[in-house]
Amino acid sequence: MDMQAEIGILLAYAIGILLLYVLGYMFLVPIKLIVRLIINSVLGGITILAINWIGGCFGFHLALNFISAAIVGLLGVPGILLWVLLTAIPF
């Protein structure tokens, strides 16, 4: 083989590896976001359980479902305050 054919093959391999890297990165980023959402929702659910455990002494209860856990998990302390205010204030 001559030198131009070898350079062409090397360039093809380099472009292929670059494309694999880009495709892998495109699939990895959404997976990281989904895993972060799941972890935060679990932590939000644990927080709501702790609030229900403490609030049980005072007759206070928050509903525990995926939406409430996701709100508390994603927003953190403001989410807890929002959920407590929405539950405590009758409309």
PDB file of N, CA and C in Angstrom:
ATOM      1  N   MET A   1       0.836  -1.184   0.000  1.00  0.00           N
ATOM      2  CA  MET A   1       0.000   0.000   0.000  1.00  0.00           C
ATOM      3  C   MET A   1       0.876   1.242   0.000  1.00  0.00           C
ATOM      4  N   ASP A   2       0.336   2.267  -0.582  1.00  0.00           N
ATOM      5  CA  ASP A   2       1.101   3.509  -0.586  1.00  0.00           C
ATOM      6  C   ASP A   2       0.730   4.349   0.634  1.00  0.00           C
ATOM      7  N   MET A   3       1.427   5.429   0.811  1.00  0.00           N
ATOM      8  CA  MET A   3       1.297   6.274   1.998  1.00  0.00           C
ATOM      9  C   MET A   3      -0.061   6.969   2.063  1.00  0.00           C
ATOM     10  N   GLN A   4      -0.662   7.344   0.937  1.00  0.00           N
ATOM     11  CA  GLN A   4      -1.946   8.040   0.952  1.00  0.00           C
ATOM     12  C   GLN A   4      -3.061   7.109   1.432  1.00  0.00           C
ATOM     13  N   ALA A   5      -3.016   5.866   1.062  1.00  0.00           N
ATOM     14  CA  ALA A   5      -4.025   4.920   1.503  1.00  0.00           C
ATOM     15  C   ALA A   5      -3.938   4.709   3.012  1.00  0.00           C
ATOM     16  N   GLU A   6      -2.746   4.628   3.551  1.00  0.00           N
ATOM     17  CA  GLU A   6      -2.583   4.443   4.993  1.00  0.00           C
ATOM     18  C   GLU A   6      -3.068   5.667   5.760  1.00  0.00           C
ATOM     19  N   ILE A   7      -2.808   6.847   5.249  1.00  0.00           N
ATOM     20  CA  ILE A   7      -3.278   8.071   5.909  1.00  0.00           C
ATOM     21  C   ILE A   7      -4.802   8.124   5.858  1.00  0.00           C
ATOM     22  N   GLY A   8      -5.387   7.712   4.734  1.00  0.00           N
ATOM     23  CA  GLY A   8      -6.843   7.679   4.612  1.00  0.00           C
ATOM     24  C   GLY A   8      -7.470   6.726   5.610  1.00  0.00           C
ATOM     25  N   ILE A   9      -6.853   5.569   5.791  1.00  0.00           N
ATOM     26  CA  ILE A   9      -7.364   4.603   6.762  1.00  0.00           C
ATOM     27  C   ILE A   9      -7.247   5.155   8.177  1.00  0.00           C
ATOM     28  N   LEU A  10      -6.144   5.791   8.501  1.00  0.00           N
ATOM     29  CA  LEU A  10      -5.964   6.388   9.829  1.00  0.00           C
ATOM     30  C   LEU A  10      -6.986   7.500  10.080  1.00  0.00           C
ATOM     31  N   LEU A  11      -7.244   8.318   9.065  1.00  0.00           N
ATOM     32  CA  LEU A  11      -8.247   9.378   9.211  1.00  0.00           C
ATOM     33  C   LEU A  11      -9.648   8.780   9.404  1.00  0.00           C
ATOM     34  N   ALA A  12      -9.948   7.713   8.695  1.00  0.00           N
ATOM     35  CA  ALA A  12     -11.249   7.061   8.851  1.00  0.00           C
ATOM     36  C   ALA A  12     -11.414   6.523  10.275  1.00  0.00           C
ATOM     37  N   TYR A  13     -10.369   5.887  10.793  1.00  0.00           N
ATOM     38  CA  TYR A  13     -10.417   5.403  12.181  1.00  0.00           C
ATOM     39  C   TYR A  13     -10.575   6.562  13.175  1.00  0.00           C
ATOM     40  N   ALA A  14      -9.857   7.640  12.951  1.00  0.00           N
ATOM     41  CA  ALA A  14      -9.927   8.798  13.859  1.00  0.00           C
ATOM     42  C   ALA A  14     -11.323   9.412  13.840  1.00  0.00           C
ATOM     43  N   ILE A  15     -11.913   9.549  12.663  1.00  0.00           N
ATOM     44  CA  ILE A  15     -13.257  10.120  12.564  1.00  0.00           C
ATOM     45  C   ILE A  15     -14.271   9.166  13.199  1.00  0.00           C
ATOM     46  N   GLY A  16     -14.096   7.864  12.991  1.00  0.00           N
ATOM     47  CA  GLY A  16     -14.989   6.885  13.608  1.00  0.00           C
ATOM     48  C   GLY A  16     -14.931   6.922  15.125  1.00  0.00           C
ATOM     49  N   ILE A  17     -13.751   7.017  15.672  1.00  0.00           N
ATOM     50  CA  ILE A  17     -13.598   7.087  17.128  1.00  0.00           C
ATOM     51  C   ILE A  17     -14.208   8.382  17.658  1.00  0.00           C
ATOM     52  N   LEU A  18     -14.028   9.492  16.955  1.00  0.00           N
ATOM     53  CA  LEU A  18     -14.614  10.771  17.362  1.00  0.00           C
ATOM     54  C   LEU A  18     -16.142  10.691  17.342  1.00  0.00           C
ATOM     55  N   LEU A  19     -16.704  10.078  16.313  1.00  0.00           N
ATOM     56  CA  LEU A  19     -18.155   9.929  16.241  1.00  0.00           C
ATOM     57  C   LEU A  19     -18.686   9.039  17.363  1.00  0.00           C
ATOM     58  N   LEU A  20     -17.990   7.979  17.677  1.00  0.00           N
ATOM     59  CA  LEU A  20     -18.399   7.123  18.796  1.00  0.00           C
ATOM     60  C   LEU A  20     -18.371   7.886  20.118  1.00  0.00           C
ATOM     61  N   TYR A  21     -17.363   8.718  20.285  1.00  0.00           N
ATOM     62  CA  TYR A  21     -17.262   9.525  21.498  1.00  0.00           C
ATOM     63  C   TYR A  21     -18.439  10.491  21.596  1.00  0.00           C
ATOM     64  N   VAL A  22     -18.754  11.172  20.489  1.00  0.00           N
ATOM     65  CA  VAL A  22     -19.849  12.150  20.485  1.00  0.00           C
ATOM     66  C   VAL A  22     -21.179  11.452  20.744  1.00  0.00           C
ATOM     67  N   LEU A  23     -21.426  10.315  20.093  1.00  0.00           N
ATOM     68  CA  LEU A  23     -22.668   9.575  20.326  1.00  0.00           C
ATOM     69  C   LEU A  23     -22.763   9.073  21.765  1.00  0.00           C
ATOM     70  N   GLY A  24     -21.684   8.571  22.301  1.00  0.00           N
ATOM     71  CA  GLY A  24     -21.679   8.119  23.688  1.00  0.00           C
ATOM     72  C   GLY A  24     -21.971   9.253  24.647  1.00  0.00           C
ATOM     73  N   TYR A  25     -21.422  10.429  24.382  1.00  0.00           N
ATOM     74  CA  TYR A  25     -21.658  11.587  25.241  1.00  0.00           C
ATOM     75  C   TYR A  25     -23.113  12.026  25.150  1.00  0.00           C
ATOM     76  N   MET A  26     -23.684  11.959  23.947  1.00  0.00           N
ATOM     77  CA  MET A  26     -25.088  12.357  23.772  1.00  0.00           C
ATOM     78  C   MET A  26     -26.027  11.445  24.546  1.00  0.00           C
ATOM     79  N   PHE A  27     -25.702  10.166  24.666  1.00  0.00           N
ATOM     80  CA  PHE A  27     -26.538   9.252  25.427  1.00  0.00           C
ATOM     81  C   PHE A  27     -26.242   9.301  26.918  1.00  0.00           C
ATOM     82  N   LEU A  28     -25.054   9.685  27.301  1.00  0.00           N
ATOM     83  CA  LEU A  28     -24.665   9.680  28.705  1.00  0.00           C
ATOM     84  C   LEU A  28     -25.256  10.859  29.472  1.00  0.00           C
ATOM     85  N   VAL A  29     -25.353  12.019  28.855  1.00  0.00           N
ATOM     86  CA  VAL A  29     -25.843  13.215  29.550  1.00  0.00           C
ATOM     87  C   VAL A  29     -27.292  13.043  30.006  1.00  0.00           C
ATOM     88  N   PRO A  30     -28.235  12.575  29.146  1.00  0.00           N
ATOM     89  CA  PRO A  30     -29.600  12.380  29.649  1.00  0.00           C
ATOM     90  C   PRO A  30     -29.686  11.323  30.748  1.00  0.00           C
ATOM     91  N   ILE A  31     -28.855  10.301  30.687  1.00  0.00           N
ATOM     92  CA  ILE A  31     -28.864   9.279  31.725  1.00  0.00           C
ATOM     93  C   ILE A  31     -28.430   9.879  33.057  1.00  0.00           C
ATOM     94  N   LYS A  32     -27.439  10.761  33.029  1.00  0.00           N
ATOM     95  CA  LYS A  32     -27.008  11.419  34.268  1.00  0.00           C
ATOM     96  C   LYS A  32     -28.132  12.269  34.843  1.00  0.00           C
ATOM     97  N   LEU A  33     -28.876  12.972  33.986  1.00  0.00           N
ATOM     98  CA  LEU A  33     -29.980  13.795  34.471  1.00  0.00           C
ATOM     99  C   LEU A  33     -31.088  12.941  35.076  1.00  0.00           C
ATOM    100  N   ILE A  34     -31.386  11.801  34.459  1.00  0.00           N
ATOM    101  CA  ILE A  34     -32.418  10.920  34.987  1.00  0.00           C
ATOM    102  C   ILE A  34     -31.984  10.331  36.326  1.00  0.00           C
ATOM    103  N   VAL A  35     -30.733   9.925  36.443  1.00  0.00           N
ATOM    104  CA  VAL A  35     -30.226   9.378  37.707  1.00  0.00           C
ATOM    105  C   VAL A  35     -30.267  10.446  38.794  1.00  0.00           C
ATOM    106  N   ARG A  36     -29.901  11.680  38.455  1.00  0.00           N
ATOM    107  CA  ARG A  36     -29.951  12.773  39.435  1.00  0.00           C
ATOM    108  C   ARG A  36     -31.387  13.035  39.878  1.00  0.00           C
ATOM    109  N   LEU A  37     -32.352  12.989  38.939  1.00  0.00           N
ATOM    110  CA  LEU A  37     -33.755  13.172  39.287  1.00  0.00           C
ATOM    111  C   LEU A  37     -34.226  12.073  40.228  1.00  0.00           C
ATOM    112  N   ILE A  38     -33.844  10.845  39.969  1.00  0.00           N
ATOM    113  CA  ILE A  38     -34.258   9.724  40.817  1.00  0.00           C
ATOM    114  C   ILE A  38     -33.656   9.859  42.212  1.00  0.00           C
ATOM    115  N   ILE A  39     -32.371  10.193  42.291  1.00  0.00           N
ATOM    116  CA  ILE A  39     -31.721  10.342  43.606  1.00  0.00           C
ATOM    117  C   ILE A  39     -32.357  11.477  44.395  1.00  0.00           C
ATOM    118  N   ASN A  40     -32.597  12.616  43.733  1.00  0.00           N
ATOM    119  CA  ASN A  40     -33.215  13.750  44.425  1.00  0.00           C
ATOM    120  C   ASN A  40     -34.639  13.427  44.861  1.00  0.00           C
ATOM    121  N   SER A  41     -35.371  12.664  44.058  1.00  0.00           N
ATOM    122  CA  SER A  41     -36.732  12.287  44.440  1.00  0.00           C
ATOM    123  C   SER A  41     -36.725  11.361  45.653  1.00  0.00           C
ATOM    124  N   VAL A  42     -35.790  10.427  45.696  1.00  0.00           N
ATOM    125  CA  VAL A  42     -35.680   9.542  46.862  1.00  0.00           C
ATOM    126  C   VAL A  42     -35.338  10.348  48.108  1.00  0.00           C
ATOM    127  N   LEU A  43     -34.409  11.281  47.985  1.00  0.00           N
ATOM    128  CA  LEU A  43     -34.069  12.131  49.134  1.00  0.00           C
ATOM    129  C   LEU A  43     -35.251  13.006  49.533  1.00  0.00           C
ATOM    130  N   GLY A  44     -36.021  13.491  48.565  1.00  0.00           N
ATOM    131  CA  GLY A  44     -37.228  14.261  48.878  1.00  0.00           C
ATOM    132  C   GLY A  44     -38.253  13.417  49.604  1.00  0.00           C
ATOM    133  N   GLY A  45     -38.407  12.151  49.184  1.00  0.00           N
ATOM    134  CA  GLY A  45     -39.325  11.243  49.876  1.00  0.00           C
ATOM    135  C   GLY A  45     -38.894  10.976  51.300  1.00  0.00           C
ATOM    136  N   ILE A  46     -37.597  10.815  51.506  1.00  0.00           N
ATOM    137  CA  ILE A  46     -37.075  10.616  52.870  1.00  0.00           C
ATOM    138  C   ILE A  46     -37.334  11.859  53.720  1.00  0.00           C
ATOM    139  N   THR A  47     -37.184  13.024  53.109  1.00  0.00           N
ATOM    140  CA  THR A  47     -37.457  14.273  53.833  1.00  0.00           C
ATOM    141  C   THR A  47     -38.927  14.369  54.218  1.00  0.00           C
ATOM    142  N   ILE A  48     -39.815  14.014  53.306  1.00  0.00           N
ATOM    143  CA  ILE A  48     -41.247  14.051  53.617  1.00  0.00           C
ATOM    144  C   ILE A  48     -41.577  13.042  54.713  1.00  0.00           C
ATOM    145  N   LEU A  49     -40.954  11.870  54.671  1.00  0.00           N
ATOM    146  CA  LEU A  49     -41.174  10.894  55.750  1.00  0.00           C
ATOM    147  C   LEU A  49     -40.709  11.453  57.100  1.00  0.00           C
ATOM    148  N   ALA A  50     -39.567  12.155  57.105  1.00  0.00           N
ATOM    149  CA  ALA A  50     -39.084  12.761  58.354  1.00  0.00           C
ATOM    150  C   ALA A  50     -40.042  13.847  58.840  1.00  0.00           C
ATOM    151  N   ILE A  51     -40.565  14.639  57.907  1.00  0.00           N
ATOM    152  CA  ILE A  51     -41.531  15.680  58.295  1.00  0.00           C
ATOM    153  C   ILE A  51     -42.802  15.036  58.841  1.00  0.00           C
ATOM    154  N   ASN A  52     -43.256  13.954  58.208  1.00  0.00           N
ATOM    155  CA  ASN A  52     -44.451  13.259  58.705  1.00  0.00           C
ATOM    156  C   ASN A  52     -44.207  12.625  60.070  1.00  0.00           C
ATOM    157  N   TRP A  53     -42.993  12.113  60.285  1.00  0.00           N
ATOM    158  CA  TRP A  53     -42.676  11.507  61.571  1.00  0.00           C
ATOM    159  C   TRP A  53     -42.679  12.565  62.686  1.00  0.00           C
ATOM    160  N   ILE A  54     -42.060  13.709  62.404  1.00  0.00           N
ATOM    161  CA  ILE A  54     -42.041  14.797  63.396  1.00  0.00           C
ATOM    162  C   ILE A  54     -43.409  15.447  63.504  1.00  0.00           C
ATOM    163  N   GLY A  55     -44.058  15.668  62.355  1.00  0.00           N
ATOM    164  CA  GLY A  55     -45.367  16.325  62.365  1.00  0.00           C
ATOM    165  C   GLY A  55     -46.471  15.462  62.927  1.00  0.00           C
ATOM    166  N   GLY A  56     -46.243  14.148  63.031  1.00  0.00           N
ATOM    167  CA  GLY A  56     -47.246  13.261  63.615  1.00  0.00           C
ATOM    168  C   GLY A  56     -47.556  13.626  65.057  1.00  0.00           C
ATOM    169  N   CYS A  57     -46.588  14.183  65.749  1.00  0.00           N
ATOM    170  CA  CYS A  57     -46.805  14.608  67.140  1.00  0.00           C
ATOM    171  C   CYS A  57     -47.747  15.800  67.207  1.00  0.00           C
ATOM    172  N   PHE A  58     -47.811  16.583  66.132  1.00  0.00           N
ATOM    173  CA  PHE A  58     -48.624  17.795  66.095  1.00  0.00           C
ATOM    174  C   PHE A  58     -49.866  17.645  65.215  1.00  0.00           C
ATOM    175  N   GLY A  59     -50.077  16.473  64.654  1.00  0.00           N
ATOM    176  CA  GLY A  59     -51.235  16.248  63.800  1.00  0.00           C
ATOM    177  C   GLY A  59     -51.044  16.782  62.384  1.00  0.00           C
ATOM    178  N   PHE A  60     -49.818  16.930  61.943  1.00  0.00           N
ATOM    179  CA  PHE A  60     -49.516  17.454  60.603  1.00  0.00           C
ATOM    180  C   PHE A  60     -49.039  16.317  59.715  1.00  0.00           C
ATOM    181  N   HIS A  61     -49.540  16.281  58.486  1.00  0.00           N
ATOM    182  CA  HIS A  61     -49.205  15.186  57.577  1.00  0.00           C
ATOM    183  C   HIS A  61     -49.072  15.727  56.155  1.00  0.00           C
ATOM    184  N   LEU A  62     -48.025  15.314  55.454  1.00  0.00           N
ATOM    185  CA  LEU A  62     -47.838  15.633  54.040  1.00  0.00           C
ATOM    186  C   LEU A  62     -48.048  14.365  53.225  1.00  0.00           C
ATOM    187  N   ALA A  63     -48.715  14.513  52.092  1.00  0.00           N
ATOM    188  CA  ALA A  63     -48.920  13.364  51.208  1.00  0.00           C
ATOM    189  C   ALA A  63     -47.589  12.983  50.575  1.00  0.00           C
ATOM    190  N   LEU A  64     -47.319  11.688  50.535  1.00  0.00           N
ATOM    191  CA  LEU A  64     -46.082  11.205  49.928  1.00  0.00           C
ATOM    192  C   LEU A  64     -46.415  10.479  48.635  1.00  0.00           C
ATOM    193  N   ASN A  65     -46.079  11.105  47.516  1.00  0.00           N
ATOM    194  CA  ASN A  65     -46.201  10.485  46.205  1.00  0.00           C
ATOM    195  C   ASN A  65     -45.027  10.977  45.357  1.00  0.00           C
ATOM    196  N   PHE A  66     -44.966  10.516  44.116  1.00  0.00           N
ATOM    197  CA  PHE A  66     -43.814  10.864  43.293  1.00  0.00           C
ATOM    198  C   PHE A  66     -43.745  12.368  43.031  1.00  0.00           C
ATOM    199  N   ILE A  67     -44.873  13.017  42.826  1.00  0.00           N
ATOM    200  CA  ILE A  67     -44.874  14.457  42.531  1.00  0.00           C
ATOM    201  C   ILE A  67     -44.360  15.245  43.725  1.00  0.00           C
ATOM    202  N   SER A  68     -44.861  14.945  44.911  1.00  0.00           N
ATOM    203  CA  SER A  68     -44.413  15.688  46.091  1.00  0.00           C
ATOM    204  C   SER A  68     -42.939  15.413  46.379  1.00  0.00           C
ATOM    205  N   ALA A  69     -42.508  14.171  46.211  1.00  0.00           N
ATOM    206  CA  ALA A  69     -41.101  13.842  46.443  1.00  0.00           C
ATOM    207  C   ALA A  69     -40.214  14.532  45.408  1.00  0.00           C
ATOM    208  N   ALA A  70     -40.665  14.606  44.154  1.00  0.00           N
ATOM    209  CA  ALA A  70     -39.881  15.274  43.115  1.00  0.00           C
ATOM    210  C   ALA A  70     -39.793  16.767  43.369  1.00  0.00           C
ATOM    211  N   ILE A  71     -40.887  17.389  43.808  1.00  0.00           N
ATOM    212  CA  ILE A  71     -40.858  18.827  44.096  1.00  0.00           C
ATOM    213  C   ILE A  71     -39.895  19.112  45.234  1.00  0.00           C
ATOM    214  N   VAL A  72     -39.996  18.352  46.306  1.00  0.00           N
ATOM    215  CA  VAL A  72     -39.094  18.556  47.443  1.00  0.00           C
ATOM    216  C   VAL A  72     -37.660  18.224  47.060  1.00  0.00           C
ATOM    217  N   GLY A  73     -37.467  17.173  46.282  1.00  0.00           N
ATOM    218  CA  GLY A  73     -36.118  16.777  45.892  1.00  0.00           C
ATOM    219  C   GLY A  73     -35.466  17.764  44.942  1.00  0.00           C
ATOM    220  N   LEU A  74     -36.210  18.288  44.002  1.00  0.00           N
ATOM    221  CA  LEU A  74     -35.635  19.224  43.031  1.00  0.00           C
ATOM    222  C   LEU A  74     -35.438  20.620  43.602  1.00  0.00           C
ATOM    223  N   LEU A  75     -36.390  21.091  44.388  1.00  0.00           N
ATOM    224  CA  LEU A  75     -36.310  22.458  44.885  1.00  0.00           C
ATOM    225  C   LEU A  75     -35.598  22.587  46.225  1.00  0.00           C
ATOM    226  N   GLY A  76     -35.460  21.499  46.949  1.00  0.00           N
ATOM    227  CA  GLY A  76     -34.749  21.551  48.227  1.00  0.00           C
ATOM    228  C   GLY A  76     -35.586  22.197  49.309  1.00  0.00           C
ATOM    229  N   VAL A  77     -34.969  23.066  50.088  1.00  0.00           N
ATOM    230  CA  VAL A  77     -35.650  23.727  51.205  1.00  0.00           C
ATOM    231  C   VAL A  77     -36.822  24.582  50.716  1.00  0.00           C
ATOM    232  N   PRO A  78     -36.686  25.363  49.634  1.00  0.00           N
ATOM    233  CA  PRO A  78     -37.869  26.089  49.156  1.00  0.00           C
ATOM    234  C   PRO A  78     -39.009  25.147  48.745  1.00  0.00           C
ATOM    235  N   GLY A  79     -38.674  23.983  48.229  1.00  0.00           N
ATOM    236  CA  GLY A  79     -39.703  23.007  47.880  1.00  0.00           C
ATOM    237  C   GLY A  79     -40.425  22.482  49.106  1.00  0.00           C
ATOM    238  N   ILE A  80     -39.676  22.270  50.190  1.00  0.00           N
ATOM    239  CA  ILE A  80     -40.297  21.824  51.440  1.00  0.00           C
ATOM    240  C   ILE A  80     -41.250  22.894  51.945  1.00  0.00           C
ATOM    241  N   LEU A  81     -40.780  24.139  51.958  1.00  0.00           N
ATOM    242  CA  LEU A  81     -41.628  25.240  52.430  1.00  0.00           C
ATOM    243  C   LEU A  81     -42.856  25.401  51.544  1.00  0.00           C
ATOM    244  N   LEU A  82     -42.687  25.297  50.240  1.00  0.00           N
ATOM    245  CA  LEU A  82     -43.809  25.398  49.313  1.00  0.00           C
ATOM    246  C   LEU A  82     -44.826  24.298  49.574  1.00  0.00           C
ATOM    247  N   TRP A  83     -44.363  23.080  49.732  1.00  0.00           N
ATOM    248  CA  TRP A  83     -45.276  21.957  49.938  1.00  0.00           C
ATOM    249  C   TRP A  83     -45.991  22.062  51.285  1.00  0.00           C
ATOM    250  N   VAL A  84     -45.281  22.515  52.315  1.00  0.00           N
ATOM    251  CA  VAL A  84     -45.915  22.694  53.629  1.00  0.00           C
ATOM    252  C   VAL A  84     -46.963  23.786  53.552  1.00  0.00           C
ATOM    253  N   LEU A  85     -46.644  24.908  52.873  1.00  0.00           N
ATOM    254  CA  LEU A  85     -47.615  25.998  52.750  1.00  0.00           C
ATOM    255  C   LEU A  85     -48.830  25.565  51.928  1.00  0.00           C
ATOM    256  N   LEU A  86     -48.618  24.835  50.853  1.00  0.00           N
ATOM    257  CA  LEU A  86     -49.739  24.387  50.036  1.00  0.00           C
ATOM    258  C   LEU A  86     -50.622  23.392  50.782  1.00  0.00           C
ATOM    259  N   THR A  87     -50.040  22.625  51.670  1.00  0.00           N
ATOM    260  CA  THR A  87     -50.814  21.656  52.437  1.00  0.00           C
ATOM    261  C   THR A  87     -51.502  22.303  53.623  1.00  0.00           C
ATOM    262  N   ALA A  88     -50.846  23.245  54.272  1.00  0.00           N
ATOM    263  CA  ALA A  88     -51.367  23.815  55.512  1.00  0.00           C
ATOM    264  C   ALA A  88     -52.439  24.866  55.271  1.00  0.00           C
ATOM    265  N   ILE A  89     -52.368  25.571  54.143  1.00  0.00           N
ATOM    266  CA  ILE A  89     -53.331  26.648  53.880  1.00  0.00           C
ATOM    267  C   ILE A  89     -54.518  26.084  53.115  1.00  0.00           C
ATOM    268  N   PRO A  90     -55.716  26.162  53.700  1.00  0.00           N
ATOM    269  CA  PRO A  90     -56.895  25.666  52.974  1.00  0.00           C
ATOM    270  C   PRO A  90     -57.310  26.682  51.904  1.00  0.00           C
ATOM    271  N   PHE A  91     -57.703  26.169  50.764  1.00  0.00           N
ATOM    272  CA  PHE A  91     -58.121  27.062  49.676  1.00  0.00           C
ATOM    273  C   PHE A  91     -59.622  27.074  49.556  1.00  0.00           C
TER     274      PHE A  91
END
